[in-house]
PDB file of N, CA and C in Angstrom:
ATOM      1  N   UNK A   1      15.976   5.361  -3.831  1.00  0.00           N
ATOM      2  CA  UNK A   1      16.272   4.833  -2.626  1.00  0.00           C
ATOM      3  C   UNK A   1      16.141   3.555  -2.144  1.00  0.00           C
ATOM      4  N   UNK A   2      17.386   2.888  -1.873  1.00  0.00           N
ATOM      5  CA  UNK A   2      17.241   1.798  -1.657  1.00  0.00           C
ATOM      6  C   UNK A   2      15.682   0.835  -0.430  1.00  0.00           C
ATOM      7  N   UNK A   3      16.117  -0.349  -0.559  1.00  0.00           N
ATOM      8  CA  UNK A   3      14.991  -0.970   0.001  1.00  0.00           C
ATOM      9  C   UNK A   3      15.159  -1.074   1.589  1.00  0.00           C
ATOM     10  N   UNK A   4      16.385  -1.062   1.823  1.00  0.00           N
ATOM     11  CA  UNK A   4      16.673  -0.891   3.027  1.00  0.00           C
ATOM     12  C   UNK A   4      16.859   0.002   4.052  1.00  0.00           C
ATOM     13  N   UNK A   5      17.043   1.138   3.367  1.00  0.00           N
ATOM     14  CA  UNK A   5      16.732   2.554   3.467  1.00  0.00           C
ATOM     15  C   UNK A   5      15.444   2.806   4.000  1.00  0.00           C
ATOM     16  N   UNK A   6      14.371   2.557   2.580  1.00  0.00           N
ATOM     17  CA  UNK A   6      13.139   3.038   2.682  1.00  0.00           C
ATOM     18  C   UNK A   6      12.288   2.295   4.535  1.00  0.00           C
ATOM     19  N   UNK A   7      13.159   1.009   4.674  1.00  0.00           N
ATOM     20  CA  UNK A   7      12.253   0.292   5.564  1.00  0.00           C
ATOM     21  C   UNK A   7      12.955   0.915   6.841  1.00  0.00           C
ATOM     22  N   UNK A   8      13.976   1.112   7.326  1.00  0.00           N
ATOM     23  CA  UNK A   8      14.646   1.977   8.188  1.00  0.00           C
ATOM     24  C   UNK A   8      14.107   3.202   8.379  1.00  0.00           C
ATOM     25  N   UNK A   9      13.677   3.848   7.404  1.00  0.00           N
ATOM     26  CA  UNK A   9      13.040   5.260   7.458  1.00  0.00           C
ATOM     27  C   UNK A   9      11.092   4.739   8.122  1.00  0.00           C
ATOM     28  N   UNK A  10      11.201   4.128   7.684  1.00  0.00           N
ATOM     29  CA  UNK A  10       9.546   3.531   7.981  1.00  0.00           C
ATOM     30  C   UNK A  10       9.350   3.249   9.081  1.00  0.00           C
ATOM     31  N   UNK A  11      10.924   2.109  10.368  1.00  0.00           N
ATOM     32  CA  UNK A  11      10.520   1.774  11.660  1.00  0.00           C
ATOM     33  C   UNK A  11      10.854   2.855  12.269  1.00  0.00           C
ATOM     34  N   UNK A  12      11.309   3.994  11.968  1.00  0.00           N
ATOM     35  CA  UNK A  12      11.893   4.953  12.940  1.00  0.00           C
ATOM     36  C   UNK A  12      10.567   5.967  13.443  1.00  0.00           C
ATOM     37  N   UNK A  13       9.422   5.673  12.430  1.00  0.00           N
ATOM     38  CA  UNK A  13       7.910   6.614  12.635  1.00  0.00           C
ATOM     39  C   UNK A  13       7.341   5.860  12.915  1.00  0.00           C
ATOM     40  N   UNK A  14       7.198   4.585  13.079  1.00  0.00           N
ATOM     41  CA  UNK A  14       6.594   3.000  12.921  1.00  0.00           C
ATOM     42  C   UNK A  14       5.660   3.631  14.627  1.00  0.00           C
ATOM     43  N   UNK A  15       4.465   3.657  14.475  1.00  0.00           N
ATOM     44  CA  UNK A  15       4.012   3.222  16.008  1.00  0.00           C
ATOM     45  C   UNK A  15       3.815   4.445  16.689  1.00  0.00           C
ATOM     46  N   UNK A  16       4.499   5.835  16.548  1.00  0.00           N
ATOM     47  CA  UNK A  16       4.696   6.632  17.445  1.00  0.00           C
ATOM     48  C   UNK A  16       3.478   7.787  16.506  1.00  0.00           C
ATOM     49  N   UNK A  17       3.636   7.871  15.569  1.00  0.00           N
ATOM     50  CA  UNK A  17       2.776   8.880  15.105  1.00  0.00           C
ATOM     51  C   UNK A  17       2.005   8.994  13.626  1.00  0.00           C
ATOM     52  N   UNK A  18       1.081   9.315  13.136  1.00  0.00           N
ATOM     53  CA  UNK A  18       0.427   9.026  11.780  1.00  0.00           C
ATOM     54  C   UNK A  18       1.469   9.646  10.538  1.00  0.00           C
ATOM     55  N   UNK A  19       1.997   8.764  10.021  1.00  0.00           N
ATOM     56  CA  UNK A  19       2.368   8.746   8.595  1.00  0.00           C
ATOM     57  C   UNK A  19       1.636   8.897   7.496  1.00  0.00           C
ATOM     58  N   UNK A  20       1.639   9.843   6.554  1.00  0.00           N
ATOM     59  CA  UNK A  20       1.066   9.479   5.272  1.00  0.00           C
ATOM     60  C   UNK A  20       2.274   8.991   4.137  1.00  0.00           C
ATOM     61  N   UNK A  21       1.701   8.121   3.403  1.00  0.00           N
ATOM     62  CA  UNK A  21       2.840   7.423   2.612  1.00  0.00           C
ATOM     63  C   UNK A  21       2.123   7.165   1.413  1.00  0.00           C
ATOM     64  N   UNK A  22       2.891   7.625   0.245  1.00  0.00           N
ATOM     65  CA  UNK A  22       2.329   7.179  -0.921  1.00  0.00           C
ATOM     66  C   UNK A  22       3.479   6.225  -1.496  1.00  0.00           C
ATOM     67  N   UNK A  23       2.622   5.177  -2.073  1.00  0.00           N
ATOM     68  CA  UNK A  23       3.643   4.110  -2.623  1.00  0.00           C
ATOM     69  C   UNK A  23       2.797   3.124  -3.451  1.00  0.00           C
ATOM     70  N   UNK A  24       3.699   2.768  -4.323  1.00  0.00           N
ATOM     71  CA  UNK A  24       3.507   2.014  -5.430  1.00  0.00           C
ATOM     72  C   UNK A  24       4.018   1.142  -4.916  1.00  0.00           C
ATOM     73  N   UNK A  25       4.850   0.343  -4.167  1.00  0.00           N
ATOM     74  CA  UNK A  25       5.246  -0.983  -3.861  1.00  0.00           C
ATOM     75  C   UNK A  25       3.905  -1.288  -3.060  1.00  0.00           C
ATOM     76  N   UNK A  26       3.116  -2.424  -3.309  1.00  0.00           N
ATOM     77  CA  UNK A  26       2.134  -2.847  -2.416  1.00  0.00           C
ATOM     78  C   UNK A  26       3.043  -3.656  -1.527  1.00  0.00           C
ATOM     79  N   UNK A  27       4.021  -4.489  -1.289  1.00  0.00           N
ATOM     80  CA  UNK A  27       4.544  -5.155  -0.412  1.00  0.00           C
ATOM     81  C   UNK A  27       4.679  -3.826   0.791  1.00  0.00           C
ATOM     82  N   UNK A  28       5.435  -2.964   0.809  1.00  0.00           N
ATOM     83  CA  UNK A  28       5.777  -1.834   1.875  1.00  0.00           C
ATOM     84  C   UNK A  28       4.785  -1.523   1.916  1.00  0.00           C
ATOM     85  N   UNK A  29       3.557  -1.229   1.367  1.00  0.00           N
ATOM     86  CA  UNK A  29       2.447  -0.714   1.598  1.00  0.00           C
ATOM     87  C   UNK A  29       1.495  -1.543   2.819  1.00  0.00           C
ATOM     88  N   UNK A  30       1.356  -2.948   2.599  1.00  0.00           N
ATOM     89  CA  UNK A  30       0.918  -3.710   3.195  1.00  0.00           C
ATOM     90  C   UNK A  30       1.208  -4.465   4.408  1.00  0.00           C
ATOM     91  N   UNK A  31       2.814  -3.768   4.124  1.00  0.00           N
ATOM     92  CA  UNK A  31       3.727  -4.264   5.802  1.00  0.00           C
ATOM     93  C   UNK A  31       3.704  -2.914   6.746  1.00  0.00           C
ATOM     94  N   UNK A  32       2.940  -1.748   6.381  1.00  0.00           N
ATOM     95  CA  UNK A  32       3.507  -1.101   7.440  1.00  0.00           C
ATOM     96  C   UNK A  32       1.842  -0.249   7.551  1.00  0.00           C
ATOM     97  N   UNK A  33       1.113  -0.408   6.790  1.00  0.00           N
ATOM     98  CA  UNK A  33       0.172   0.909   6.727  1.00  0.00           C
ATOM     99  C   UNK A  33      -1.248   0.233   7.385  1.00  0.00           C
ATOM    100  N   UNK A  34      -1.740   0.885   8.010  1.00  0.00           N
ATOM    101  CA  UNK A  34      -2.901   0.579   9.189  1.00  0.00           C
ATOM    102  C   UNK A  34      -4.174   0.468   8.263  1.00  0.00           C
ATOM    103  N   UNK A  35      -3.897   1.526   7.551  1.00  0.00           N
ATOM    104  CA  UNK A  35      -5.327   1.355   6.358  1.00  0.00           C
ATOM    105  C   UNK A  35      -4.521   1.973   5.177  1.00  0.00           C
ATOM    106  N   UNK A  36      -5.085   1.728   4.293  1.00  0.00           N
ATOM    107  CA  UNK A  36      -4.713   1.955   2.803  1.00  0.00           C
ATOM    108  C   UNK A  36      -6.047   2.479   1.833  1.00  0.00           C
ATOM    109  N   UNK A  37      -5.210   3.218   0.370  1.00  0.00           N
ATOM    110  CA  UNK A  37      -6.366   3.418   0.089  1.00  0.00           C
ATOM    111  C   UNK A  37      -5.763   3.520  -1.159  1.00  0.00           C
ATOM    112  N   UNK A  38      -6.700   2.959  -2.336  1.00  0.00           N
ATOM    113  CA  UNK A  38      -6.221   2.972  -3.742  1.00  0.00           C
ATOM    114  C   UNK A  38      -6.869   4.136  -4.339  1.00  0.00           C
ATOM    115  N   UNK A  39      -6.455   4.886  -5.287  1.00  0.00           N
ATOM    116  CA  UNK A  39      -6.590   5.912  -6.026  1.00  0.00           C
ATOM    117  C   UNK A  39      -6.528   5.551  -7.678  1.00  0.00           C
ATOM    118  N   UNK A  40      -7.380   5.955  -8.325  1.00  0.00           N
ATOM    119  CA  UNK A  40      -7.515   5.541  -9.765  1.00  0.00           C
ATOM    120  C   UNK A  40      -8.125   6.924 -10.219  1.00  0.00           C
ATOM    121  N   UNK A  41      -7.566   7.532 -11.159  1.00  0.00           N
ATOM    122  CA  UNK A  41      -7.934   8.828 -12.049  1.00  0.00           C
ATOM    123  C   UNK A  41      -8.469   9.762 -10.854  1.00  0.00           C
ATOM    124  N   UNK A  42      -7.426   9.798  -9.943  1.00  0.00           N
ATOM    125  CA  UNK A  42      -7.791  11.129  -8.969  1.00  0.00           C
ATOM    126  C   UNK A  42      -8.808  10.910  -8.532  1.00  0.00           C
ATOM    127  N   UNK A  43      -9.457   9.402  -8.203  1.00  0.00           N
ATOM    128  CA  UNK A  43     -10.887   8.992  -7.149  1.00  0.00           C
ATOM    129  C   UNK A  43     -10.464   7.908  -6.560  1.00  0.00           C
ATOM    130  N   UNK A  44     -10.665   7.877  -4.874  1.00  0.00           N
ATOM    131  CA  UNK A  44     -11.165   7.027  -4.456  1.00  0.00           C
ATOM    132  C   UNK A  44     -11.294   5.712  -5.065  1.00  0.00           C
ATOM    133  N   UNK A  45     -10.569   4.826  -5.381  1.00  0.00           N
ATOM    134  CA  UNK A  45     -11.303   3.423  -5.644  1.00  0.00           C
ATOM    135  C   UNK A  45     -11.785   2.537  -4.821  1.00  0.00           C
ATOM    136  N   UNK A  46     -10.816   1.957  -3.973  1.00  0.00           N
ATOM    137  CA  UNK A  46     -10.928   1.560  -2.937  1.00  0.00           C
ATOM    138  C   UNK A  46     -10.466   1.750  -1.568  1.00  0.00           C
ATOM    139  N   UNK A  47     -11.007   1.288   0.168  1.00  0.00           N
ATOM    140  CA  UNK A  47     -10.300   1.414   1.250  1.00  0.00           C
ATOM    141  C   UNK A  47     -10.464   0.710   1.938  1.00  0.00           C
ATOM    142  N   UNK A  48      -9.511   1.156   3.061  1.00  0.00           N
ATOM    143  CA  UNK A  48      -9.764  -0.104   4.257  1.00  0.00           C
ATOM    144  C   UNK A  48      -8.265  -0.382   4.790  1.00  0.00           C
ATOM    145  N   UNK A  49      -8.241  -2.019   5.312  1.00  0.00           N
ATOM    146  CA  UNK A  49      -7.261  -2.345   5.711  1.00  0.00           C
ATOM    147  C   UNK A  49      -6.946  -3.119   4.543  1.00  0.00           C
ATOM    148  N   UNK A  50      -5.173  -3.275   4.887  1.00  0.00           N
ATOM    149  CA  UNK A  50      -4.638  -3.416   3.280  1.00  0.00           C
ATOM    150  C   UNK A  50      -4.528  -4.754   2.982  1.00  0.00           C
ATOM    151  N   UNK A  51      -5.134  -5.386   3.959  1.00  0.00           N
ATOM    152  CA  UNK A  51      -5.144  -6.995   3.076  1.00  0.00           C
ATOM    153  C   UNK A  51      -6.641  -6.982   2.318  1.00  0.00           C
ATOM    154  N   UNK A  52      -7.826  -6.417   2.872  1.00  0.00           N
ATOM    155  CA  UNK A  52      -9.129  -5.691   1.746  1.00  0.00           C
ATOM    156  C   UNK A  52      -9.065  -5.070   0.677  1.00  0.00           C
ATOM    157  N   UNK A  53      -7.913  -4.140   0.642  1.00  0.00           N
ATOM    158  CA  UNK A  53      -7.626  -3.304  -0.402  1.00  0.00           C
ATOM    159  C   UNK A  53      -6.783  -4.077  -1.451  1.00  0.00           C
ATOM    160  N   UNK A  54      -5.679  -4.571  -1.180  1.00  0.00           N
ATOM    161  CA  UNK A  54      -4.707  -5.455  -2.225  1.00  0.00           C
ATOM    162  C   UNK A  54      -5.210  -6.958  -2.316  1.00  0.00           C
ATOM    163  N   UNK A  55      -6.389  -7.033  -3.333  1.00  0.00           N
ATOM    164  CA  UNK A  55      -6.787  -8.377  -3.925  1.00  0.00           C
ATOM    165  C   UNK A  55      -6.571  -8.241  -5.389  1.00  0.00           C
ATOM    166  N   UNK A  56      -6.602  -9.631  -5.598  1.00  0.00           N
ATOM    167  CA  UNK A  56      -6.551  -9.947  -7.237  1.00  0.00           C
ATOM    168  C   UNK A  56      -7.693  -8.993  -7.955  1.00  0.00           C
ATOM    169  N   UNK A  57      -8.844  -8.465  -7.401  1.00  0.00           N
ATOM    170  CA  UNK A  57      -9.293  -8.115  -8.102  1.00  0.00           C
ATOM    171  C   UNK A  57      -9.301  -6.492  -8.626  1.00  0.00           C
ATOM    172  N   UNK A  58      -8.617  -6.141  -7.219  1.00  0.00           N
ATOM    173  CA  UNK A  58      -8.016  -4.575  -7.477  1.00  0.00           C
ATOM    174  C   UNK A  58      -7.126  -4.442  -8.482  1.00  0.00           C
ATOM    175  N   UNK A  59      -6.044  -5.434  -8.235  1.00  0.00           N
ATOM    176  CA  UNK A  59      -4.772  -5.101  -9.139  1.00  0.00           C
ATOM    177  C   UNK A  59      -5.223  -5.412 -10.534  1.00  0.00           C
ATOM    178  N   UNK A  60      -6.584  -6.374 -10.773  1.00  0.00           N
ATOM    179  CA  UNK A  60      -7.204  -6.348 -12.059  1.00  0.00           C
ATOM    180  C   UNK A  60      -7.667  -5.183 -12.516  1.00  0.00           C
ATOM    181  N   UNK A  61      -8.506  -4.604 -11.719  1.00  0.00           N
ATOM    182  CA  UNK A  61      -9.132  -3.152 -11.764  1.00  0.00           C
ATOM    183  C   UNK A  61      -8.291  -2.571 -12.000  1.00  0.00           C
ATOM    184  N   UNK A  62      -7.102  -1.955 -11.336  1.00  0.00           N
ATOM    185  CA  UNK A  62      -6.584  -0.991 -11.362  1.00  0.00           C
ATOM    186  C   UNK A  62      -5.403  -0.938 -12.259  1.00  0.00           C
ATOM    187  N   UNK A  63      -4.821  -1.885 -12.858  1.00  0.00           N
ATOM    188  CA  UNK A  63      -3.957  -1.833 -13.469  1.00  0.00           C
ATOM    189  C   UNK A  63      -3.570  -3.377 -14.716  1.00  0.00           C
ATOM    190  N   UNK A  64      -4.669  -4.308 -14.577  1.00  0.00           N
ATOM    191  CA  UNK A  64      -4.364  -4.735 -15.780  1.00  0.00           C
ATOM    192  C   UNK A  64      -3.998  -6.293 -15.576  1.00  0.00           C
ATOM    193  N   UNK A  65      -3.372  -6.460 -14.097  1.00  0.00           N
ATOM    194  CA  UNK A  65      -3.044  -7.277 -13.844  1.00  0.00           C
ATOM    195  C   UNK A  65      -3.487  -8.486 -13.003  1.00  0.00           C
ATOM    196  N   UNK A  66      -2.896  -9.966 -13.962  1.00  0.00           N
ATOM    197  CA  UNK A  66      -3.557 -10.741 -12.806  1.00  0.00           C
ATOM    198  C   UNK A  66      -2.380 -11.344 -12.178  1.00  0.00           C
ATOM    199  N   UNK A  67      -2.830 -11.750 -10.507  1.00  0.00           N
ATOM    200  CA  UNK A  67      -1.832 -11.452  -9.791  1.00  0.00           C
ATOM    201  C   UNK A  67      -2.548 -12.392  -8.340  1.00  0.00           C
ATOM    202  N   UNK A  68      -1.868 -13.319  -8.009  1.00  0.00           N
ATOM    203  CA  UNK A  68      -1.873 -13.730  -6.447  1.00  0.00           C
ATOM    204  C   UNK A  68      -1.944 -12.984  -5.778  1.00  0.00           C
ATOM    205  N   UNK A  69      -2.283 -12.767  -4.654  1.00  0.00           N
ATOM    206  CA  UNK A  69      -1.698 -11.786  -3.349  1.00  0.00           C
ATOM    207  C   UNK A  69      -2.010 -12.625  -1.993  1.00  0.00           C
ATOM    208  N   UNK A  70      -0.939 -12.557  -1.821  1.00  0.00           N
ATOM    209  CA  UNK A  70      -0.713 -13.408   0.122  1.00  0.00           C
ATOM    210  C   UNK A  70      -0.263 -12.447   0.986  1.00  0.00           C
TER     211      UNK A  70
END
């Protein structure tokens, strides 16, 4: 699915209802989610506001990636 189509679909329901979204694209998750849950090996590793969940420490812990998060 194209990035444009995904974004259009998310805008349709945004603010009107609860949407459960499974995403590996952290940019989309951070942009649209009011609450994020990071799952590792079937268990909740972190949860909270997207900015609190998508941190350099989480990326390192979850996937072994060293990255800046902005």
